[in-house]
Structure formats: structure tokens, C-alpha cells
C-alpha atoms as a PDB file:
ATOM      1  CA  UNK A   1      55.002  22.420  91.148  1.00  0.00           C
ATOM      2  CA  UNK A   2      55.374  18.836  90.083  1.00  0.00           C
ATOM      3  CA  UNK A   3      58.525  17.939  92.001  1.00  0.00           C
ATOM      4  CA  UNK A   4      57.687  18.262  95.681  1.00  0.00           C
ATOM      5  CA  UNK A   5      60.903  16.527  96.775  1.00  0.00           C
ATOM      6  CA  UNK A   6      62.981  19.414  95.452  1.00  0.00           C
ATOM      7  CA  UNK A   7      60.798  21.853  97.387  1.00  0.00           C
ATOM      8  CA  UNK A   8      61.199  19.757 100.538  1.00  0.00           C
ATOM      9  CA  UNK A   9      64.955  19.681 100.057  1.00  0.00           C
ATOM     10  CA  UNK A  10      65.127  23.435  99.615  1.00  0.00           C
ATOM     11  CA  UNK A  11      62.818  24.188 102.552  1.00  0.00           C
ATOM     12  CA  UNK A  12      64.444  21.808 105.013  1.00  0.00           C
ATOM     13  CA  UNK A  13      68.013  22.531 104.012  1.00  0.00           C
ATOM     14  CA  UNK A  14      68.911  19.225 102.402  1.00  0.00           C
ATOM     15  CA  UNK A  15      69.651  20.680  98.978  1.00  0.00           C
ATOM     16  CA  UNK A  16      73.038  19.996  97.484  1.00  0.00           C
ATOM     17  CA  UNK A  17      75.529  22.676  96.534  1.00  0.00           C
ATOM     18  CA  UNK A  18      74.736  22.292  92.810  1.00  0.00           C
ATOM     19  CA  UNK A  19      71.018  22.871  93.399  1.00  0.00           C
ATOM     20  CA  UNK A  20      71.808  26.015  95.397  1.00  0.00           C
ATOM     21  CA  UNK A  21      73.959  27.470  92.638  1.00  0.00           C
ATOM     22  CA  UNK A  22      71.643  27.000  89.624  1.00  0.00           C
ATOM     23  CA  UNK A  23      68.825  29.216  90.882  1.00  0.00           C
ATOM     24  CA  UNK A  24      69.967  31.962  88.471  1.00  0.00           C
ATOM     25  CA  UNK A  25      69.628  29.758  85.370  1.00  0.00           C
ATOM     26  CA  UNK A  26      65.867  30.282  84.743  1.00  0.00           C
ATOM     27  CA  UNK A  27      66.344  34.034  85.143  1.00  0.00           C
ATOM     28  CA  UNK A  28      69.215  34.008  82.645  1.00  0.00           C
ATOM     29  CA  UNK A  29      67.225  31.955  80.120  1.00  0.00           C
ATOM     30  CA  UNK A  30      64.215  34.261  80.460  1.00  0.00           C
ATOM     31  CA  UNK A  31      66.305  37.408  79.951  1.00  0.00           C
ATOM     32  CA  UNK A  32      68.103  35.833  76.982  1.00  0.00           C
ATOM     33  CA  UNK A  33      64.770  34.863  75.395  1.00  0.00           C
ATOM     34  CA  UNK A  34      63.338  38.350  75.827  1.00  0.00           C
ATOM     35  CA  UNK A  35      66.409  40.183  74.525  1.00  0.00           C
ATOM     36  CA  UNK A  36      67.047  37.881  71.586  1.00  0.00           C
ATOM     37  CA  UNK A  37      63.358  37.952  70.689  1.00  0.00           C
ATOM     38  CA  UNK A  38      63.395  41.746  70.690  1.00  0.00           C
ATOM     39  CA  UNK A  39      66.524  41.795  68.533  1.00  0.00           C
ATOM     40  CA  UNK A  40      64.939  39.347  66.080  1.00  0.00           C
ATOM     41  CA  UNK A  41      61.796  41.463  65.862  1.00  0.00           C
ATOM     42  CA  UNK A  42      63.703  44.615  64.925  1.00  0.00           C
ATOM     43  CA  UNK A  43      66.282  42.716  62.878  1.00  0.00           C
ATOM     44  CA  UNK A  44      69.397  43.727  64.783  1.00  0.00           C
ATOM     45  CA  UNK A  45      72.346  41.280  64.656  1.00  0.00           C
ATOM     46  CA  UNK A  46      69.948  38.687  63.279  1.00  0.00           C
ATOM     47  CA  UNK A  47      72.309  35.779  62.618  1.00  0.00           C
ATOM     48  CA  UNK A  48      74.223  36.186  65.882  1.00  0.00           C
ATOM     49  CA  UNK A  49      71.006  36.391  67.898  1.00  0.00           C
ATOM     50  CA  UNK A  50      69.603  33.332  66.118  1.00  0.00           C
ATOM     51  CA  UNK A  51      72.733  31.382  67.079  1.00  0.00           C
ATOM     52  CA  UNK A  52      72.227  32.435  70.710  1.00  0.00           C
ATOM     53  CA  UNK A  53      68.618  31.291  70.579  1.00  0.00           C
ATOM     54  CA  UNK A  54      69.338  27.801  69.173  1.00  0.00           C
ATOM     55  CA  UNK A  55      70.618  26.110  72.384  1.00  0.00           C
ATOM     56  CA  UNK A  56      67.725  27.549  74.381  1.00  0.00           C
ATOM     57  CA  UNK A  57      65.135  26.196  71.947  1.00  0.00           C
ATOM     58  CA  UNK A  58      66.827  22.799  71.591  1.00  0.00           C
ATOM     59  CA  UNK A  59      66.917  22.555  75.397  1.00  0.00           C
ATOM     60  CA  UNK A  60      63.228  23.448  75.558  1.00  0.00           C
ATOM     61  CA  UNK A  61      62.339  20.768  73.015  1.00  0.00           C
ATOM     62  CA  UNK A  62      64.373  18.136  74.871  1.00  0.00           C
ATOM     63  CA  UNK A  63      62.856  19.199  78.191  1.00  0.00           C
ATOM     64  CA  UNK A  64      59.300  19.096  76.846  1.00  0.00           C
ATOM     65  CA  UNK A  65      59.902  15.661  75.293  1.00  0.00           C
ATOM     66  CA  UNK A  66      61.413  14.103  78.412  1.00  0.00           C
ATOM     67  CA  UNK A  67      58.874  15.712  80.706  1.00  0.00           C
ATOM     68  CA  UNK A  68      56.059  13.774  79.079  1.00  0.00           C
ATOM     69  CA  UNK A  69      57.962  10.540  78.632  1.00  0.00           C
ATOM     70  CA  UNK A  70      58.441  10.740  74.879  1.00  0.00           C
ATOM     71  CA  UNK A  71      57.157  12.501  71.824  1.00  0.00           C
ATOM     72  CA  UNK A  72      53.933  14.302  72.515  1.00  0.00           C
ATOM     73  CA  UNK A  73      51.533  16.270  70.356  1.00  0.00           C
ATOM     74  CA  UNK A  74      51.231  19.017  72.928  1.00  0.00           C
ATOM     75  CA  UNK A  75      50.853  22.601  71.845  1.00  0.00           C
ATOM     76  CA  UNK A  76      53.978  23.626  73.805  1.00  0.00           C
ATOM     77  CA  UNK A  77      56.142  21.166  71.928  1.00  0.00           C
ATOM     78  CA  UNK A  78      54.661  22.140  68.562  1.00  0.00           C
ATOM     79  CA  UNK A  79      55.211  25.827  69.328  1.00  0.00           C
ATOM     80  CA  UNK A  80      58.836  25.160  70.345  1.00  0.00           C
ATOM     81  CA  UNK A  81      59.508  23.205  67.128  1.00  0.00           C
ATOM     82  CA  UNK A  82      57.922  25.914  64.944  1.00  0.00           C
ATOM     83  CA  UNK A  83      59.989  28.556  66.744  1.00  0.00           C
ATOM     84  CA  UNK A  84      63.141  26.477  66.232  1.00  0.00           C
ATOM     85  CA  UNK A  85      62.418  26.219  62.509  1.00  0.00           C
ATOM     86  CA  UNK A  86      61.879  29.982  62.267  1.00  0.00           C
ATOM     87  CA  UNK A  87      65.131  30.672  64.118  1.00  0.00           C
ATOM     88  CA  UNK A  88      66.988  28.332  61.740  1.00  0.00           C
ATOM     89  CA  UNK A  89      65.405  30.248  58.840  1.00  0.00           C
ATOM     90  CA  UNK A  90      66.657  33.554  60.268  1.00  0.00           C
ATOM     91  CA  UNK A  91      70.069  32.000  60.836  1.00  0.00           C
ATOM     92  CA  UNK A  92      70.292  31.037  57.169  1.00  0.00           C
ATOM     93  CA  UNK A  93      68.632  34.086  55.599  1.00  0.00           C
ATOM     94  CA  UNK A  94      69.648  36.819  58.023  1.00  0.00           C
ATOM     95  CA  UNK A  95      67.816  40.114  58.302  1.00  0.00           C
ATOM     96  CA  UNK A  96      65.719  41.278  55.398  1.00  0.00           C
ATOM     97  CA  UNK A  97      65.595  44.682  53.718  1.00  0.00           C
ATOM     98  CA  UNK A  98      63.213  46.052  56.376  1.00  0.00           C
ATOM     99  CA  UNK A  99      65.448  45.065  59.297  1.00  0.00           C
ATOM    100  CA  UNK A 100      67.963  47.254  61.087  1.00  0.00           C
ATOM    101  CA  UNK A 101      70.716  45.049  59.657  1.00  0.00           C
ATOM    102  CA  UNK A 102      69.524  45.908  56.145  1.00  0.00           C
ATOM    103  CA  UNK A 103      69.227  49.581  57.016  1.00  0.00           C
ATOM    104  CA  UNK A 104      72.764  49.759  58.408  1.00  0.00           C
ATOM    105  CA  UNK A 105      74.154  47.789  55.467  1.00  0.00           C
ATOM    106  CA  UNK A 106      72.466  50.117  52.978  1.00  0.00           C
ATOM    107  CA  UNK A 107      73.587  53.304  54.769  1.00  0.00           C
ATOM    108  CA  UNK A 108      77.100  52.180  55.700  1.00  0.00           C
ATOM    109  CA  UNK A 109      78.992  54.743  53.625  1.00  0.00           C
ATOM    110  CA  UNK A 110      76.569  57.633  54.064  1.00  0.00           C
ATOM    111  CA  UNK A 111      77.415  60.326  56.558  1.00  0.00           C
ATOM    112  CA  UNK A 112      81.144  59.697  56.646  1.00  0.00           C
ATOM    113  CA  UNK A 113      83.382  62.560  55.683  1.00  0.00           C
ATOM    114  CA  UNK A 114      80.757  65.255  56.115  1.00  0.00           C
ATOM    115  CA  UNK A 115      81.734  68.530  57.678  1.00  0.00           C
ATOM    116  CA  UNK A 116      79.385  69.211  60.525  1.00  0.00           C
ATOM    117  CA  UNK A 117      78.896  72.820  61.697  1.00  0.00           C
END
């Protein structure tokens, strides 16, 4: 850990109310990244999921830039920027023909009105 003062504050009980209440934020961001990444892989709700992913990636880029005191050529920052560009691409293009979005769009009218035994 780089910030030992925050650890001292948490261990010795001098943390503020705001610091006590944001402990769930990294867990929420991790779960959102995993779920939206899975949905992007299979192509389910592609544009909506890409919009959910944008603030997380922009926050990561800002955090990685400010953490190092300015623009850096670190691999983490490059990976975050490439991922942001890919998410913007999926936001514009949507799911392709091999995605679940394309499958559901193609088979929207099929199966309705059938008499099942």
C-alpha cells in the first residue's frame, strides 16, 4: 500500500465518516467490470453495457494519470486507453452478427404463434 496514513487512520480509529462509507466502492467497480466484460464478450446488451463501462474506464485513466503525476507511458495506462477505445467502438457499432444481440434480432419473430403440444 502506498498511502500508509489512510491505513493508520483506519487502524487507530481516526477515519472520517466518508472514508468509512466508501469501502464498498472497489467491490462495486470490480463486479461491474466483470459483469459488463462478460456481457461484451457474449454480445448481450452491447451498447447499454458499453455505456456502463465508460465512466469506469475514464475514472481509471484519470486515476492512473494523477497517480504518476502526469501523462505516463506505463503499460496500465496504455491498456486502459486501448480498452476505452474498444468500448467506444462497441458503443458506436453495437453487437455484430455473431453476438447474442444479433441472434435475438434475427430470431425475433420466430416461435411466436406456434401451438405447443
